[in-house]
N, C-alpha and C. Protein backbone atom coordinates (compact mmCIF):
# COMPACT_ATOMS: atom_id res chain seq x y z
N MET A 1 0.83 -1.19 0.00
CA MET A 1 0.00 0.00 0.00
C MET A 1 0.87 1.25 0.00
N ARG A 2 1.94 1.23 0.76
CA ARG A 2 2.81 2.40 0.83
C ARG A 2 3.52 2.64 -0.50
N ASN A 3 3.93 1.55 -1.17
CA ASN A 3 4.57 1.66 -2.47
C ASN A 3 3.61 2.25 -3.50
N PHE A 4 2.33 1.91 -3.40
CA PHE A 4 1.34 2.43 -4.32
C PHE A 4 1.21 3.94 -4.15
N ARG A 5 1.16 4.42 -2.91
CA ARG A 5 1.07 5.86 -2.66
C ARG A 5 2.30 6.59 -3.17
N LEU A 6 3.45 6.02 -2.96
CA LEU A 6 4.70 6.62 -3.45
C LEU A 6 4.68 6.69 -4.97
N PHE A 7 4.26 5.61 -5.61
CA PHE A 7 4.16 5.58 -7.07
C PHE A 7 3.18 6.64 -7.57
N LYS A 8 2.08 6.78 -6.87
CA LYS A 8 1.07 7.76 -7.24
C LYS A 8 1.63 9.19 -7.14
N VAL A 9 2.37 9.48 -6.08
CA VAL A 9 2.97 10.80 -5.90
C VAL A 9 4.01 11.06 -6.98
N VAL A 10 4.85 10.05 -7.25
CA VAL A 10 5.89 10.20 -8.27
C VAL A 10 5.26 10.42 -9.65
N LYS A 11 4.13 9.83 -9.88
CA LYS A 11 3.44 9.97 -11.16
C LYS A 11 2.74 11.33 -11.29
N ILE A 12 2.14 11.81 -10.22
CA ILE A 12 1.35 13.04 -10.27
C ILE A 12 2.20 14.29 -10.12
N LEU A 13 3.28 14.23 -9.37
CA LEU A 13 4.11 15.40 -9.10
C LEU A 13 4.61 16.11 -10.36
N PRO A 14 5.18 15.40 -11.34
CA PRO A 14 5.61 16.11 -12.56
C PRO A 14 4.46 16.78 -13.31
N ILE A 15 3.31 16.13 -13.34
CA ILE A 15 2.15 16.71 -14.01
C ILE A 15 1.72 17.98 -13.29
N LEU A 16 1.73 17.95 -11.98
CA LEU A 16 1.36 19.12 -11.19
C LEU A 16 2.34 20.28 -11.42
N ILE A 17 3.62 19.99 -11.43
CA ILE A 17 4.63 21.03 -11.64
C ILE A 17 4.49 21.64 -13.03
N VAL A 18 4.33 20.81 -14.05
CA VAL A 18 4.16 21.33 -15.41
C VAL A 18 2.88 22.17 -15.50
N GLY A 19 1.81 21.72 -14.85
CA GLY A 19 0.56 22.48 -14.86
C GLY A 19 0.71 23.84 -14.21
N ILE A 20 1.40 23.91 -13.08
CA ILE A 20 1.61 25.20 -12.40
C ILE A 20 2.42 26.14 -13.28
N PHE A 21 3.48 25.63 -13.88
CA PHE A 21 4.30 26.48 -14.75
C PHE A 21 3.54 26.92 -16.00
N ALA A 22 2.75 26.03 -16.57
CA ALA A 22 1.96 26.39 -17.75
C ALA A 22 0.91 27.44 -17.39
N PHE A 23 0.25 27.27 -16.25
CA PHE A 23 -0.76 28.24 -15.82
C PHE A 23 -0.12 29.60 -15.56
N GLY A 24 1.05 29.61 -14.95
CA GLY A 24 1.77 30.87 -14.72
C GLY A 24 2.17 31.53 -16.03
N TYR A 25 2.65 30.73 -16.98
CA TYR A 25 3.05 31.27 -18.28
C TYR A 25 1.86 31.87 -19.03
N PHE A 26 0.71 31.17 -19.03
CA PHE A 26 -0.47 31.68 -19.71
C PHE A 26 -0.98 32.95 -19.04
N THR A 27 -0.93 33.00 -17.71
CA THR A 27 -1.34 34.21 -17.00
C THR A 27 -0.43 35.37 -17.36
N MET A 28 0.88 35.14 -17.38
CA MET A 28 1.83 36.19 -17.75
C MET A 28 1.59 36.67 -19.17
N THR A 29 1.38 35.73 -20.09
CA THR A 29 1.17 36.09 -21.49
C THR A 29 -0.12 36.89 -21.67
N LEU A 30 -1.18 36.46 -21.04
CA LEU A 30 -2.45 37.19 -21.14
C LEU A 30 -2.35 38.57 -20.51
N TRP A 31 -1.75 38.65 -19.34
CA TRP A 31 -1.59 39.94 -18.66
C TRP A 31 -0.78 40.90 -19.54
N ASN A 32 0.38 40.43 -20.02
CA ASN A 32 1.25 41.29 -20.81
C ASN A 32 0.67 41.63 -22.17
N GLY A 33 -0.22 40.81 -22.67
CA GLY A 33 -0.86 41.08 -23.95
C GLY A 33 -2.06 42.01 -23.84
N LEU A 34 -2.72 42.00 -22.70
CA LEU A 34 -3.96 42.77 -22.56
C LEU A 34 -3.85 43.99 -21.66
N MET A 35 -3.34 43.82 -20.47
CA MET A 35 -3.39 44.88 -19.47
C MET A 35 -2.63 46.16 -19.85
N PRO A 36 -1.41 46.06 -20.39
CA PRO A 36 -0.73 47.31 -20.76
C PRO A 36 -1.47 48.07 -21.87
N ALA A 37 -2.04 47.35 -22.82
CA ALA A 37 -2.73 48.00 -23.93
C ALA A 37 -4.08 48.58 -23.50
N ILE A 38 -4.79 47.89 -22.62
CA ILE A 38 -6.13 48.35 -22.23
C ILE A 38 -6.07 49.38 -21.11
N PHE A 39 -5.33 49.09 -20.05
CA PHE A 39 -5.33 49.94 -18.86
C PHE A 39 -4.03 50.71 -18.64
N GLY A 40 -3.04 50.49 -19.47
CA GLY A 40 -1.77 51.18 -19.30
C GLY A 40 -0.95 50.67 -18.12
N LEU A 41 -1.18 49.43 -17.70
CA LEU A 41 -0.42 48.85 -16.59
C LEU A 41 0.92 48.32 -17.07
N LYS A 42 1.82 48.08 -16.14
CA LYS A 42 3.14 47.54 -16.47
C LYS A 42 3.04 46.05 -16.76
N THR A 43 4.02 45.54 -17.48
CA THR A 43 4.08 44.10 -17.72
C THR A 43 4.57 43.40 -16.45
N VAL A 44 4.30 42.11 -16.36
CA VAL A 44 4.70 41.34 -15.18
C VAL A 44 5.65 40.24 -15.61
N THR A 45 6.46 39.79 -14.65
CA THR A 45 7.35 38.67 -14.89
C THR A 45 6.59 37.37 -14.62
N PHE A 46 7.22 36.26 -14.94
CA PHE A 46 6.61 34.96 -14.69
C PHE A 46 6.28 34.76 -13.22
N TRP A 47 7.21 35.12 -12.33
CA TRP A 47 7.00 34.90 -10.90
C TRP A 47 5.92 35.83 -10.36
N GLN A 48 5.82 37.04 -10.90
CA GLN A 48 4.73 37.93 -10.50
C GLN A 48 3.38 37.37 -10.96
N ALA A 49 3.38 36.76 -12.14
CA ALA A 49 2.15 36.16 -12.64
C ALA A 49 1.71 35.00 -11.75
N LEU A 50 2.68 34.17 -11.31
CA LEU A 50 2.33 33.09 -10.38
C LEU A 50 1.79 33.66 -9.07
N GLY A 51 2.37 34.77 -8.61
CA GLY A 51 1.86 35.43 -7.41
C GLY A 51 0.44 35.94 -7.60
N LEU A 52 0.15 36.48 -8.78
CA LEU A 52 -1.22 36.93 -9.07
C LEU A 52 -2.21 35.77 -9.08
N VAL A 53 -1.78 34.64 -9.63
CA VAL A 53 -2.64 33.46 -9.64
C VAL A 53 -2.93 33.01 -8.21
N ALA A 54 -1.90 32.95 -7.38
CA ALA A 54 -2.09 32.53 -5.98
C ALA A 54 -2.96 33.52 -5.23
N LEU A 55 -2.75 34.83 -5.45
CA LEU A 55 -3.57 35.84 -4.78
C LEU A 55 -5.02 35.74 -5.21
N GLY A 56 -5.25 35.57 -6.50
CA GLY A 56 -6.62 35.41 -6.99
C GLY A 56 -7.29 34.18 -6.43
N LYS A 57 -6.55 33.09 -6.34
CA LYS A 57 -7.11 31.85 -5.78
C LYS A 57 -7.48 32.04 -4.31
N LEU A 58 -6.61 32.72 -3.56
CA LEU A 58 -6.90 32.98 -2.15
C LEU A 58 -8.11 33.88 -1.97
N LEU A 59 -8.17 34.95 -2.77
CA LEU A 59 -9.25 35.92 -2.61
C LEU A 59 -10.60 35.40 -3.11
N PHE A 60 -10.58 34.68 -4.21
CA PHE A 60 -11.84 34.31 -4.84
C PHE A 60 -12.21 32.84 -4.77
N GLY A 61 -11.25 31.95 -4.49
CA GLY A 61 -11.59 30.53 -4.51
C GLY A 61 -11.17 29.77 -3.29
N GLY A 62 -10.13 30.19 -2.62
CA GLY A 62 -9.62 29.43 -1.49
C GLY A 62 -8.88 28.20 -1.96
N PHE A 63 -8.32 27.46 -1.05
CA PHE A 63 -7.56 26.26 -1.37
C PHE A 63 -8.21 25.03 -0.74
N HIS A 64 -9.52 24.94 -0.78
CA HIS A 64 -10.22 23.81 -0.20
C HIS A 64 -10.63 22.83 -1.29
N ARG A 65 -11.02 21.65 -0.87
CA ARG A 65 -11.48 20.64 -1.82
C ARG A 65 -12.90 20.97 -2.24
N HIS A 66 -13.22 20.68 -3.47
CA HIS A 66 -14.55 20.96 -3.99
C HIS A 66 -15.33 19.66 -4.15
N GLY A 67 -16.57 19.65 -3.70
CA GLY A 67 -17.47 18.56 -3.99
C GLY A 67 -17.32 17.31 -3.15
N GLY A 68 -16.45 17.26 -2.20
CA GLY A 68 -16.35 16.09 -1.33
C GLY A 68 -15.72 14.88 -1.99
N GLY A 69 -14.89 15.08 -2.98
CA GLY A 69 -14.21 13.96 -3.62
C GLY A 69 -14.96 13.46 -4.82
N PRO A 70 -14.43 12.42 -5.46
CA PRO A 70 -15.03 11.95 -6.71
C PRO A 70 -16.42 11.34 -6.53
N ARG A 71 -16.73 10.86 -5.35
CA ARG A 71 -18.04 10.26 -5.13
C ARG A 71 -18.89 11.08 -4.16
N GLY A 72 -18.57 12.34 -4.01
CA GLY A 72 -19.32 13.20 -3.10
C GLY A 72 -20.77 13.36 -3.50
N TRP A 73 -21.04 13.42 -4.80
CA TRP A 73 -22.41 13.59 -5.25
C TRP A 73 -23.26 12.38 -4.92
N LYS A 74 -22.66 11.19 -4.93
CA LYS A 74 -23.41 9.98 -4.58
C LYS A 74 -23.81 10.00 -3.11
N ARG A 75 -22.87 10.42 -2.27
CA ARG A 75 -23.16 10.51 -0.84
C ARG A 75 -24.25 11.56 -0.59
N HIS A 76 -24.15 12.68 -1.30
CA HIS A 76 -25.14 13.75 -1.16
C HIS A 76 -26.53 13.25 -1.57
N MET A 77 -26.61 12.54 -2.71
CA MET A 77 -27.91 12.03 -3.17
C MET A 77 -28.44 10.95 -2.24
N ALA A 78 -27.57 10.12 -1.68
CA ALA A 78 -28.02 9.09 -0.74
C ALA A 78 -28.61 9.73 0.51
N ASP A 79 -27.98 10.81 0.98
CA ASP A 79 -28.52 11.53 2.14
C ASP A 79 -29.88 12.14 1.82
N ARG A 80 -29.99 12.73 0.66
CA ARG A 80 -31.27 13.34 0.26
C ARG A 80 -32.35 12.27 0.14
N TRP A 81 -32.00 11.13 -0.47
CA TRP A 81 -32.96 10.05 -0.66
C TRP A 81 -33.43 9.50 0.69
N ALA A 82 -32.51 9.38 1.64
CA ALA A 82 -32.86 8.85 2.96
C ALA A 82 -33.82 9.79 3.71
N ASN A 83 -33.75 11.08 3.42
CA ASN A 83 -34.60 12.05 4.11
C ASN A 83 -35.93 12.30 3.40
N MET A 84 -36.17 11.66 2.25
CA MET A 84 -37.42 11.85 1.52
C MET A 84 -38.52 10.95 2.07
N THR A 85 -39.74 11.45 2.00
CA THR A 85 -40.89 10.63 2.33
C THR A 85 -41.19 9.73 1.13
N PRO A 86 -41.98 8.66 1.31
CA PRO A 86 -42.32 7.80 0.16
C PRO A 86 -43.02 8.57 -0.96
N GLU A 87 -43.83 9.57 -0.63
CA GLU A 87 -44.50 10.36 -1.65
C GLU A 87 -43.49 11.20 -2.44
N GLU A 88 -42.51 11.77 -1.73
CA GLU A 88 -41.48 12.55 -2.42
C GLU A 88 -40.63 11.66 -3.33
N ARG A 89 -40.37 10.45 -2.87
CA ARG A 89 -39.58 9.52 -3.69
C ARG A 89 -40.31 9.17 -4.98
N GLU A 90 -41.61 8.89 -4.86
CA GLU A 90 -42.39 8.54 -6.05
C GLU A 90 -42.49 9.73 -7.00
N LYS A 91 -42.63 10.93 -6.46
CA LYS A 91 -42.66 12.13 -7.29
C LYS A 91 -41.33 12.30 -8.03
N PHE A 92 -40.22 12.05 -7.33
CA PHE A 92 -38.89 12.14 -7.95
C PHE A 92 -38.75 11.10 -9.06
N ARG A 93 -39.17 9.86 -8.78
CA ARG A 93 -39.08 8.80 -9.79
C ARG A 93 -39.90 9.17 -11.04
N ALA A 94 -41.11 9.67 -10.81
CA ALA A 94 -41.97 10.05 -11.94
C ALA A 94 -41.33 11.17 -12.75
N GLY A 95 -40.71 12.12 -12.08
CA GLY A 95 -40.04 13.20 -12.79
C GLY A 95 -38.87 12.70 -13.61
N MET A 96 -38.12 11.75 -13.08
CA MET A 96 -36.97 11.21 -13.81
C MET A 96 -37.42 10.35 -14.98
N ARG A 97 -38.55 9.64 -14.83
CA ARG A 97 -39.06 8.83 -15.94
C ARG A 97 -39.51 9.69 -17.11
N SER A 98 -39.96 10.91 -16.83
CA SER A 98 -40.47 11.77 -17.89
C SER A 98 -39.35 12.44 -18.67
N ARG A 99 -38.12 12.22 -18.25
CA ARG A 99 -36.97 12.82 -18.96
C ARG A 99 -36.33 11.80 -19.88
N GLY A 100 -35.36 12.24 -20.62
CA GLY A 100 -34.67 11.39 -21.58
C GLY A 100 -33.81 10.33 -20.91
N PRO A 101 -33.03 9.60 -21.70
CA PRO A 101 -32.25 8.48 -21.19
C PRO A 101 -31.24 8.86 -20.10
N CYS A 102 -30.68 10.04 -20.18
CA CYS A 102 -29.69 10.46 -19.18
C CYS A 102 -30.24 11.50 -18.23
N GLY A 103 -31.54 11.70 -18.24
CA GLY A 103 -32.14 12.70 -17.37
C GLY A 103 -32.20 14.08 -17.98
N PHE A 104 -31.87 14.20 -19.27
CA PHE A 104 -31.89 15.50 -19.93
C PHE A 104 -32.97 15.51 -20.99
N GLY A 105 -33.72 16.59 -21.06
CA GLY A 105 -34.71 16.74 -22.12
C GLY A 105 -35.91 15.85 -21.93
N ARG A 106 -36.72 15.78 -22.94
CA ARG A 106 -37.92 14.94 -22.92
C ARG A 106 -37.71 13.72 -23.79
N ARG A 107 -38.43 12.65 -23.47
CA ARG A 107 -38.38 11.46 -24.30
C ARG A 107 -39.10 11.73 -25.61
N GLU A 108 -38.64 11.03 -26.65
CA GLU A 108 -39.32 11.17 -27.93
C GLU A 108 -40.70 10.56 -27.81
N GLY A 109 -41.66 11.20 -28.48
CA GLY A 109 -43.02 10.68 -28.46
C GLY A 109 -43.89 11.29 -27.38
N THR A 110 -43.36 12.13 -26.52
CA THR A 110 -44.20 12.78 -25.52
C THR A 110 -44.84 14.00 -26.16
N ALA A 111 -45.83 14.54 -25.52
CA ALA A 111 -46.59 15.67 -26.05
C ALA A 111 -45.71 16.89 -26.29
N ASP A 112 -44.68 17.07 -25.48
CA ASP A 112 -43.83 18.25 -25.59
C ASP A 112 -42.94 18.22 -26.84
N THR A 113 -42.67 17.05 -27.39
CA THR A 113 -41.75 16.96 -28.52
C THR A 113 -42.46 16.68 -29.83
N GLN A 114 -43.79 16.48 -29.84
CA GLN A 114 -44.51 16.22 -31.06
C GLN A 114 -44.62 17.47 -31.91
N PRO A 115 -44.24 17.39 -33.20
CA PRO A 115 -44.39 18.58 -34.04
C PRO A 115 -45.86 18.86 -34.31
N THR A 116 -46.18 20.12 -34.40
CA THR A 116 -47.56 20.51 -34.72
C THR A 116 -47.63 20.88 -36.19
N LEU A 117 -48.69 20.45 -36.85
CA LEU A 117 -48.85 20.73 -38.28
C LEU A 117 -49.88 21.79 -38.51
């Protein structure tokens, strides 16, 4: 188990480093291409661009995990389902049956999708 975690870190670390550098480079390029021309601001270096990215993340997004992991939505739906009454469950089932195969749109052949002549 420990070897698996080490392998996972060794595999993900280079991807993470390349991603951070690429994101910093794109931020620097966009800033230097737009801000001086539009607002008359000075150009920034790569390291200043990385600092801007970190500052923006802190101010507007934080550094927390989003969604409770890859299966967070399943846990959320299981909690909601457990708190529903039998009538609410049947209403939910009926609503899902009236939608398309993946829960989007209407099924073909329903009144909402029939063309009118």
